[in-house]
Structure formats: C-alpha cells, structure tokens
C-alpha cells in the first residue's frame, strides 16, 4: 500500500463539476493498493499517517501532528501509484489491486481515519476526479507499507 501525503493549505476534489470533498489546512492523501494489501496493513498506514509530525510549532520546527493543528484529511484513491514503467512508454498497472478489493480497502481507510481525525473527506472511487491543492511547503511524503509494516 502506498500513501502520498501532501501537507496542504487547502485541497478539493471535483467530479463532473461538483465538489465531492474539500478541506482547509491538513493532508491530501493519494492512496494506492496492491493485491497483497489487507485491512491490518491499512490500519498501520493510517495510524502512521495520522501521527506524522510535519506541521510547524511556535519555534518553526516540524513538530505537530494533524490532530495537534486541527487539520482536515482528504483521501483520494489513485491506482496509478502502482504504475510500472520499466518496459516501453505505456505504464502497466498489473501490480494495482483489483477494483473490488481496492475499493473495499479505500472505504476501510476512510472509516479508520475517522478514529484519528475529526474532519475526513474523500474523493469518489473510480471516478474521473479533478484534484486541486495548495501544497504547503511544499511538503510531500511517501509512505510505503513495504517499509513501515
């Protein structure tokens, strides 16, 4: 499982000219799942994400978590995080989890995130989404379950 976490001043997701998710200060998280991922892995990833201390304290040090600053969370499913570009110029997505499994994990991640973060918004699984954000920093972190679980 992969999470691309971007610290944002604001972010939103639009589907067919309708805003389906929007936050102010917080994290925009792009989520990719592969076939071997489980709810237990997702739970560890969510806990790690929620605990990341990447907001500045009064001394300017990145020492505060999402909860410490009352930040929001915008979760967006993105199977392209498992693109394989080794051969040719057309990416292969064979490592990405099948849609049914990935959607189930995505929904689980949304529910699990609500245990840690008060304001959780999401995109629409499988939809053609337009994601808008103002990356604060810029500050972007890649969490890969192969490295933390």
N, C-alpha and C. Protein backbone atom coordinates (compact mmCIF):
# COMPACT_ATOMS: atom_id res chain seq x y z
N UNK A 1 0.85 -1.17 0.00
CA UNK A 1 0.00 0.00 0.00
C UNK A 1 0.90 1.23 0.00
N UNK A 2 0.46 2.22 -0.72
CA UNK A 2 1.21 3.47 -0.78
C UNK A 2 0.29 4.64 -0.48
N UNK A 3 0.81 5.56 0.34
CA UNK A 3 0.14 6.83 0.61
C UNK A 3 1.10 7.93 0.18
N UNK A 4 0.66 8.83 -0.69
CA UNK A 4 1.40 10.05 -0.98
C UNK A 4 0.70 11.14 -0.20
N UNK A 5 1.40 11.65 0.82
CA UNK A 5 0.82 12.61 1.76
C UNK A 5 1.36 14.00 1.45
N UNK A 6 0.45 14.91 1.17
CA UNK A 6 0.85 16.28 0.88
C UNK A 6 0.24 17.20 1.93
N UNK A 7 1.11 17.94 2.60
CA UNK A 7 0.62 18.94 3.56
C UNK A 7 0.08 20.10 2.74
N UNK A 8 -1.17 20.46 3.00
CA UNK A 8 -1.82 21.48 2.17
C UNK A 8 -2.41 22.60 3.01
N UNK A 9 -2.52 23.76 2.37
CA UNK A 9 -3.27 24.87 2.96
C UNK A 9 -4.75 24.69 2.69
N UNK A 10 -5.06 24.10 1.53
CA UNK A 10 -6.43 23.70 1.19
C UNK A 10 -6.36 22.72 0.02
N UNK A 11 -7.40 21.91 -0.11
CA UNK A 11 -7.48 20.94 -1.21
C UNK A 11 -8.94 20.59 -1.45
N UNK A 12 -9.23 20.21 -2.68
CA UNK A 12 -10.59 19.79 -3.02
C UNK A 12 -10.57 18.78 -4.15
N UNK A 13 -11.67 18.02 -4.25
CA UNK A 13 -11.86 17.05 -5.32
C UNK A 13 -13.21 17.35 -5.97
N UNK A 14 -13.20 17.42 -7.29
CA UNK A 14 -14.41 17.70 -8.05
C UNK A 14 -14.67 16.54 -9.01
N UNK A 15 -15.93 16.14 -9.11
CA UNK A 15 -16.37 15.12 -10.06
C UNK A 15 -17.54 15.70 -10.83
N UNK A 16 -17.41 15.75 -12.15
CA UNK A 16 -18.46 16.29 -13.01
C UNK A 16 -18.94 17.66 -12.53
N UNK A 17 -18.01 18.56 -12.31
CA UNK A 17 -18.27 19.94 -11.89
C UNK A 17 -18.95 20.07 -10.52
N UNK A 18 -18.88 19.02 -9.70
CA UNK A 18 -19.45 19.06 -8.35
C UNK A 18 -18.35 18.72 -7.35
N UNK A 19 -18.15 19.59 -6.37
CA UNK A 19 -17.15 19.34 -5.33
C UNK A 19 -17.67 18.22 -4.43
N UNK A 20 -16.86 17.14 -4.32
CA UNK A 20 -17.28 15.99 -3.51
C UNK A 20 -16.47 15.89 -2.21
N UNK A 21 -15.37 16.62 -2.12
CA UNK A 21 -14.56 16.63 -0.92
C UNK A 21 -13.72 17.88 -0.87
N UNK A 22 -13.60 18.48 0.32
CA UNK A 22 -12.86 19.73 0.43
C UNK A 22 -12.38 19.92 1.87
N UNK A 23 -11.12 20.35 2.02
CA UNK A 23 -10.56 20.64 3.34
C UNK A 23 -9.78 21.95 3.28
N UNK A 24 -9.56 22.51 4.45
CA UNK A 24 -8.63 23.62 4.59
C UNK A 24 -7.27 23.03 4.91
N UNK A 25 -6.61 23.55 5.91
CA UNK A 25 -5.30 23.08 6.33
C UNK A 25 -5.37 21.59 6.68
N UNK A 26 -4.40 20.81 6.19
CA UNK A 26 -4.39 19.39 6.51
C UNK A 26 -3.56 18.59 5.54
N UNK A 27 -4.00 17.35 5.30
CA UNK A 27 -3.32 16.43 4.39
C UNK A 27 -4.23 16.05 3.24
N UNK A 28 -3.69 16.12 2.03
CA UNK A 28 -4.29 15.45 0.88
C UNK A 28 -3.50 14.16 0.74
N UNK A 29 -4.20 13.03 0.74
CA UNK A 29 -3.53 11.73 0.68
C UNK A 29 -4.02 10.96 -0.53
N UNK A 30 -3.08 10.65 -1.43
CA UNK A 30 -3.36 9.79 -2.58
C UNK A 30 -3.05 8.37 -2.14
N UNK A 31 -3.98 7.44 -2.38
CA UNK A 31 -3.88 6.08 -1.85
C UNK A 31 -3.87 5.06 -2.97
N UNK A 32 -2.85 4.20 -2.95
CA UNK A 32 -2.77 3.10 -3.91
C UNK A 32 -2.68 1.78 -3.16
N UNK A 33 -3.41 0.77 -3.65
CA UNK A 33 -3.39 -0.55 -3.03
C UNK A 33 -2.97 -1.59 -4.05
N UNK A 34 -2.30 -2.64 -3.56
CA UNK A 34 -1.96 -3.76 -4.42
C UNK A 34 -2.60 -5.03 -3.86
N UNK A 35 -2.59 -6.09 -4.63
CA UNK A 35 -3.32 -7.32 -4.29
C UNK A 35 -3.00 -7.87 -2.91
N UNK A 36 -1.78 -7.72 -2.44
CA UNK A 36 -1.39 -8.33 -1.16
C UNK A 36 -1.77 -7.49 0.05
N UNK A 37 -2.35 -6.32 -0.16
CA UNK A 37 -2.70 -5.45 0.96
C UNK A 37 -3.92 -5.97 1.72
N UNK A 38 -3.95 -5.67 3.02
CA UNK A 38 -5.01 -6.13 3.91
C UNK A 38 -5.50 -4.97 4.77
N UNK A 39 -6.59 -5.18 5.50
CA UNK A 39 -7.08 -4.16 6.42
C UNK A 39 -6.08 -3.91 7.54
N UNK A 40 -5.35 -4.93 7.96
CA UNK A 40 -4.35 -4.76 9.01
C UNK A 40 -3.23 -3.83 8.53
N UNK A 41 -2.81 -3.99 7.29
CA UNK A 41 -1.80 -3.10 6.72
C UNK A 41 -2.36 -1.69 6.64
N UNK A 42 -3.60 -1.56 6.18
CA UNK A 42 -4.25 -0.25 6.07
C UNK A 42 -4.31 0.43 7.44
N UNK A 43 -4.63 -0.32 8.49
CA UNK A 43 -4.72 0.25 9.83
C UNK A 43 -3.37 0.81 10.28
N UNK A 44 -2.29 0.10 9.99
CA UNK A 44 -0.94 0.58 10.35
C UNK A 44 -0.58 1.83 9.57
N UNK A 45 -0.95 1.85 8.30
CA UNK A 45 -0.66 3.01 7.46
C UNK A 45 -1.42 4.24 7.96
N UNK A 46 -2.68 4.07 8.29
CA UNK A 46 -3.50 5.19 8.77
C UNK A 46 -2.93 5.72 10.09
N UNK A 47 -2.59 4.83 10.99
CA UNK A 47 -2.03 5.26 12.28
C UNK A 47 -0.73 6.03 12.09
N UNK A 48 0.13 5.55 11.21
CA UNK A 48 1.39 6.23 10.93
C UNK A 48 1.13 7.61 10.33
N UNK A 49 0.22 7.68 9.35
CA UNK A 49 -0.11 8.94 8.69
C UNK A 49 -0.65 9.95 9.70
N UNK A 50 -1.58 9.51 10.53
CA UNK A 50 -2.21 10.42 11.48
C UNK A 50 -1.22 10.94 12.51
N UNK A 51 -0.19 10.18 12.80
CA UNK A 51 0.79 10.58 13.79
C UNK A 51 1.95 11.39 13.27
N UNK A 52 2.04 11.53 11.95
CA UNK A 52 3.16 12.28 11.38
C UNK A 52 3.19 13.71 11.92
N UNK A 53 4.34 14.11 12.40
CA UNK A 53 4.50 15.46 12.94
C UNK A 53 5.21 16.32 11.89
N UNK A 54 4.42 16.88 10.99
CA UNK A 54 5.00 17.67 9.90
C UNK A 54 4.43 19.08 9.79
N UNK A 55 3.76 19.51 10.87
CA UNK A 55 3.31 20.90 10.93
C UNK A 55 4.23 21.65 11.89
N UNK A 56 4.43 22.92 11.63
CA UNK A 56 5.36 23.72 12.43
C UNK A 56 4.77 24.11 13.78
N UNK A 57 5.65 24.06 14.79
CA UNK A 57 5.27 24.56 16.11
C UNK A 57 5.62 26.04 16.20
N UNK A 58 5.51 26.63 17.38
CA UNK A 58 5.77 28.06 17.54
C UNK A 58 7.22 28.44 17.29
N UNK A 59 8.11 27.45 17.32
CA UNK A 59 9.53 27.71 17.06
C UNK A 59 9.91 27.42 15.61
N UNK A 60 8.92 27.08 14.79
CA UNK A 60 9.18 26.83 13.37
C UNK A 60 9.67 25.42 13.07
N UNK A 61 9.65 24.53 14.05
CA UNK A 61 10.09 23.15 13.83
C UNK A 61 8.90 22.28 13.47
N UNK A 62 9.10 21.33 12.56
CA UNK A 62 8.01 20.41 12.21
C UNK A 62 7.86 19.42 13.36
N UNK A 63 6.95 19.74 14.25
CA UNK A 63 6.81 19.00 15.49
C UNK A 63 5.36 18.72 15.86
N UNK A 64 4.41 19.13 15.00
CA UNK A 64 2.99 18.98 15.33
C UNK A 64 2.30 18.03 14.34
N UNK A 65 1.37 17.25 14.86
CA UNK A 65 0.62 16.31 14.03
C UNK A 65 -0.65 16.96 13.49
N UNK A 66 -1.34 16.22 12.66
CA UNK A 66 -2.61 16.68 12.10
C UNK A 66 -3.61 17.01 13.21
N UNK A 67 -3.69 16.16 14.21
CA UNK A 67 -4.60 16.40 15.34
C UNK A 67 -4.21 17.62 16.15
N UNK A 68 -2.89 17.84 16.30
CA UNK A 68 -2.40 18.99 17.07
C UNK A 68 -2.84 20.32 16.46
N UNK A 69 -2.97 20.35 15.13
CA UNK A 69 -3.33 21.61 14.46
C UNK A 69 -4.80 21.63 14.03
N UNK A 70 -5.55 20.57 14.36
CA UNK A 70 -6.97 20.52 13.97
C UNK A 70 -7.16 20.46 12.48
N UNK A 71 -6.24 19.81 11.79
CA UNK A 71 -6.28 19.74 10.33
C UNK A 71 -7.27 18.73 9.79
N UNK A 72 -7.63 18.92 8.54
CA UNK A 72 -8.53 18.01 7.84
C UNK A 72 -7.76 16.99 7.02
N UNK A 73 -8.48 16.02 6.52
CA UNK A 73 -7.90 14.94 5.75
C UNK A 73 -8.75 14.71 4.51
N UNK A 74 -8.12 14.75 3.34
CA UNK A 74 -8.82 14.49 2.08
C UNK A 74 -8.16 13.26 1.45
N UNK A 75 -8.92 12.18 1.36
CA UNK A 75 -8.42 10.89 0.87
C UNK A 75 -8.88 10.65 -0.55
N UNK A 76 -7.92 10.32 -1.43
CA UNK A 76 -8.23 10.11 -2.84
C UNK A 76 -7.59 8.81 -3.30
N UNK A 77 -8.39 7.90 -3.83
CA UNK A 77 -7.88 6.64 -4.35
C UNK A 77 -7.16 6.90 -5.67
N UNK A 78 -5.96 6.31 -5.83
CA UNK A 78 -5.20 6.52 -7.05
C UNK A 78 -4.38 5.28 -7.40
N UNK A 79 -4.97 4.40 -8.23
CA UNK A 79 -4.31 3.16 -8.59
C UNK A 79 -3.01 3.39 -9.36
N UNK A 80 -2.85 4.56 -9.96
CA UNK A 80 -1.64 4.83 -10.75
C UNK A 80 -0.38 4.90 -9.89
N UNK A 81 -0.52 4.88 -8.56
CA UNK A 81 0.66 4.84 -7.70
C UNK A 81 1.42 3.53 -7.87
N UNK A 82 0.79 2.54 -8.50
CA UNK A 82 1.46 1.27 -8.78
C UNK A 82 1.78 1.10 -10.25
N UNK A 83 1.96 2.21 -10.96
CA UNK A 83 2.36 2.14 -12.36
C UNK A 83 3.76 1.54 -12.48
N UNK A 84 3.92 0.64 -13.44
CA UNK A 84 5.22 0.05 -13.74
C UNK A 84 5.65 0.58 -15.10
N UNK A 85 6.74 1.34 -15.10
CA UNK A 85 7.20 1.99 -16.33
C UNK A 85 8.51 1.38 -16.83
N UNK A 86 8.82 0.17 -16.42
CA UNK A 86 10.10 -0.46 -16.80
C UNK A 86 10.20 -0.74 -18.29
N UNK A 87 9.12 -1.20 -18.90
CA UNK A 87 9.15 -1.59 -20.31
C UNK A 87 8.33 -0.63 -21.14
N UNK A 88 8.91 -0.11 -22.18
CA UNK A 88 8.18 0.75 -23.11
C UNK A 88 7.77 2.07 -22.49
N UNK A 89 6.85 2.74 -23.15
CA UNK A 89 6.40 4.05 -22.71
C UNK A 89 4.98 4.06 -22.17
N UNK A 90 4.31 2.93 -22.24
CA UNK A 90 2.95 2.84 -21.72
C UNK A 90 3.00 2.11 -20.38
N UNK A 91 2.64 2.79 -19.29
CA UNK A 91 2.72 2.15 -17.98
C UNK A 91 1.80 0.93 -17.87
N UNK A 92 2.25 -0.03 -17.09
CA UNK A 92 1.44 -1.20 -16.76
C UNK A 92 0.93 -1.01 -15.33
N UNK A 93 -0.29 -1.44 -15.10
CA UNK A 93 -0.89 -1.29 -13.77
C UNK A 93 -1.22 -2.65 -13.16
N UNK A 94 -0.49 -3.67 -13.58
CA UNK A 94 -0.76 -5.04 -13.13
C UNK A 94 -0.57 -5.21 -11.63
N UNK A 95 0.27 -4.40 -11.00
CA UNK A 95 0.50 -4.50 -9.56
C UNK A 95 -0.61 -3.85 -8.73
N UNK A 96 -1.40 -3.00 -9.35
CA UNK A 96 -2.50 -2.36 -8.62
C UNK A 96 -3.55 -3.40 -8.27
N UNK A 97 -4.13 -3.26 -7.08
CA UNK A 97 -5.15 -4.20 -6.63
C UNK A 97 -6.37 -4.16 -7.53
N UNK A 98 -7.09 -5.29 -7.62
CA UNK A 98 -8.30 -5.31 -8.43
C UNK A 98 -9.30 -4.31 -7.84
N UNK A 99 -10.15 -3.74 -8.67
CA UNK A 99 -11.03 -2.65 -8.22
C UNK A 99 -11.90 -2.99 -7.01
N UNK A 100 -12.46 -4.20 -6.94
CA UNK A 100 -13.33 -4.55 -5.82
C UNK A 100 -12.55 -4.54 -4.50
N UNK A 101 -11.37 -5.15 -4.51
CA UNK A 101 -10.55 -5.21 -3.30
C UNK A 101 -10.06 -3.81 -2.93
N UNK A 102 -9.60 -3.06 -3.92
CA UNK A 102 -9.08 -1.72 -3.67
C UNK A 102 -10.17 -0.79 -3.12
N UNK A 103 -11.37 -0.88 -3.66
CA UNK A 103 -12.46 -0.03 -3.17
C UNK A 103 -12.82 -0.38 -1.73
N UNK A 104 -12.83 -1.66 -1.42
CA UNK A 104 -13.13 -2.09 -0.06
C UNK A 104 -12.07 -1.56 0.92
N UNK A 105 -10.80 -1.64 0.55
CA UNK A 105 -9.73 -1.11 1.40
C UNK A 105 -9.83 0.41 1.53
N UNK A 106 -10.14 1.08 0.43
CA UNK A 106 -10.29 2.54 0.44
C UNK A 106 -11.38 2.95 1.42
N UNK A 107 -12.53 2.28 1.37
CA UNK A 107 -13.63 2.59 2.30
C UNK A 107 -13.21 2.30 3.74
N UNK A 108 -12.46 1.23 3.94
CA UNK A 108 -11.96 0.90 5.27
C UNK A 108 -11.02 2.01 5.78
N UNK A 109 -10.15 2.50 4.91
CA UNK A 109 -9.21 3.57 5.27
C UNK A 109 -9.96 4.83 5.68
N UNK A 110 -11.02 5.15 4.97
CA UNK A 110 -11.83 6.33 5.32
C UNK A 110 -12.39 6.18 6.73
N UNK A 111 -12.99 5.01 7.02
CA UNK A 111 -13.55 4.77 8.35
C UNK A 111 -12.48 4.76 9.43
N UNK A 112 -11.35 4.12 9.17
CA UNK A 112 -10.27 4.05 10.15
C UNK A 112 -9.70 5.44 10.42
N UNK A 113 -9.60 6.27 9.40
CA UNK A 113 -9.06 7.62 9.56
C UNK A 113 -9.91 8.45 10.50
N UNK A 114 -11.21 8.20 10.52
CA UNK A 114 -12.12 8.96 11.38
C UNK A 114 -11.88 8.68 12.86
N UNK A 115 -11.15 7.63 13.18
CA UNK A 115 -10.77 7.35 14.57
C UNK A 115 -9.70 8.32 15.05
N UNK A 116 -8.95 8.90 14.11
CA UNK A 116 -7.82 9.77 14.44
C UNK A 116 -8.04 11.23 14.09
N UNK A 117 -8.88 11.48 13.08
CA UNK A 117 -9.05 12.83 12.54
C UNK A 117 -10.54 13.17 12.52
N UNK A 118 -10.86 14.35 13.03
CA UNK A 118 -12.26 14.77 13.12
C UNK A 118 -12.88 15.05 11.75
N UNK A 119 -12.14 15.76 10.89
CA UNK A 119 -12.68 16.17 9.59
C UNK A 119 -12.03 15.35 8.48
N UNK A 120 -12.76 14.33 7.98
CA UNK A 120 -12.27 13.47 6.91
C UNK A 120 -13.20 13.59 5.71
N UNK A 121 -12.62 13.91 4.58
CA UNK A 121 -13.36 13.99 3.32
C UNK A 121 -12.72 13.00 2.35
N UNK A 122 -13.41 12.71 1.25
CA UNK A 122 -12.85 11.76 0.28
C UNK A 122 -13.30 12.08 -1.13
N UNK A 123 -12.56 11.51 -2.07
CA UNK A 123 -12.95 11.57 -3.46
C UNK A 123 -13.95 10.44 -3.73
N UNK A 124 -14.18 10.14 -5.01
CA UNK A 124 -15.09 9.07 -5.40
C UNK A 124 -14.28 7.98 -6.09
N UNK A 125 -14.29 6.79 -5.52
CA UNK A 125 -13.53 5.68 -6.07
C UNK A 125 -13.91 5.44 -7.53
N UNK A 126 -12.90 5.34 -8.39
CA UNK A 126 -13.12 5.00 -9.78
C UNK A 126 -13.61 6.13 -10.67
N UNK A 127 -13.89 7.29 -10.09
CA UNK A 127 -14.40 8.42 -10.88
C UNK A 127 -13.26 9.19 -11.53
N UNK A 128 -13.59 9.94 -12.56
CA UNK A 128 -12.64 10.88 -13.16
C UNK A 128 -12.68 12.13 -12.28
N UNK A 129 -11.66 12.28 -11.45
CA UNK A 129 -11.65 13.35 -10.45
C UNK A 129 -10.68 14.46 -10.85
N UNK A 130 -11.03 15.65 -10.49
CA UNK A 130 -10.14 16.81 -10.62
C UNK A 130 -9.72 17.19 -9.20
N UNK A 131 -8.43 17.11 -8.94
CA UNK A 131 -7.91 17.38 -7.61
C UNK A 131 -7.18 18.72 -7.64
N UNK A 132 -7.56 19.59 -6.74
CA UNK A 132 -6.94 20.91 -6.64
C UNK A 132 -6.35 21.05 -5.24
N UNK A 133 -5.13 21.59 -5.17
CA UNK A 133 -4.50 21.74 -3.87
C UNK A 133 -3.50 22.88 -3.88
N UNK A 134 -3.25 23.39 -2.70
CA UNK A 134 -2.16 24.32 -2.47
C UNK A 134 -1.23 23.62 -1.49
N UNK A 135 -0.14 23.05 -2.04
CA UNK A 135 0.82 22.31 -1.23
C UNK A 135 1.56 23.30 -0.36
N UNK A 136 1.56 23.05 0.94
CA UNK A 136 2.17 23.94 1.92
C UNK A 136 3.59 23.49 2.19
N UNK A 137 4.54 24.23 1.72
CA UNK A 137 5.95 23.90 1.95
C UNK A 137 6.81 24.13 0.71
N UNK A 138 6.71 23.34 -0.30
CA UNK A 138 5.91 22.12 -0.42
C UNK A 138 6.43 21.03 0.50
N UNK A 139 5.51 20.22 0.98
CA UNK A 139 5.84 19.13 1.90
C UNK A 139 5.08 17.90 1.43
N UNK A 140 5.80 16.90 0.91
CA UNK A 140 5.20 15.68 0.40
C UNK A 140 5.99 14.49 0.92
N UNK A 141 5.28 13.49 1.43
CA UNK A 141 5.90 12.28 1.99
C UNK A 141 5.26 11.06 1.35
N UNK A 142 6.09 10.08 1.03
CA UNK A 142 5.61 8.80 0.52
C UNK A 142 5.71 7.77 1.64
N UNK A 143 4.56 7.19 2.00
CA UNK A 143 4.56 6.06 2.94
C UNK A 143 4.29 4.81 2.12
N UNK A 144 5.15 3.82 2.27
CA UNK A 144 5.02 2.55 1.57
C UNK A 144 4.95 1.45 2.62
N UNK A 145 3.92 0.64 2.57
CA UNK A 145 3.74 -0.41 3.58
C UNK A 145 4.92 -1.38 3.61
N UNK A 146 5.62 -1.53 2.52
CA UNK A 146 6.78 -2.42 2.48
C UNK A 146 7.90 -1.90 3.38
N UNK A 147 7.86 -0.62 3.68
CA UNK A 147 8.91 0.00 4.50
C UNK A 147 8.48 0.20 5.96
N UNK A 148 7.17 0.27 6.23
CA UNK A 148 6.76 0.57 7.61
C UNK A 148 6.00 -0.56 8.29
N UNK A 149 5.56 -1.55 7.55
CA UNK A 149 4.76 -2.64 8.15
C UNK A 149 5.60 -3.90 8.31
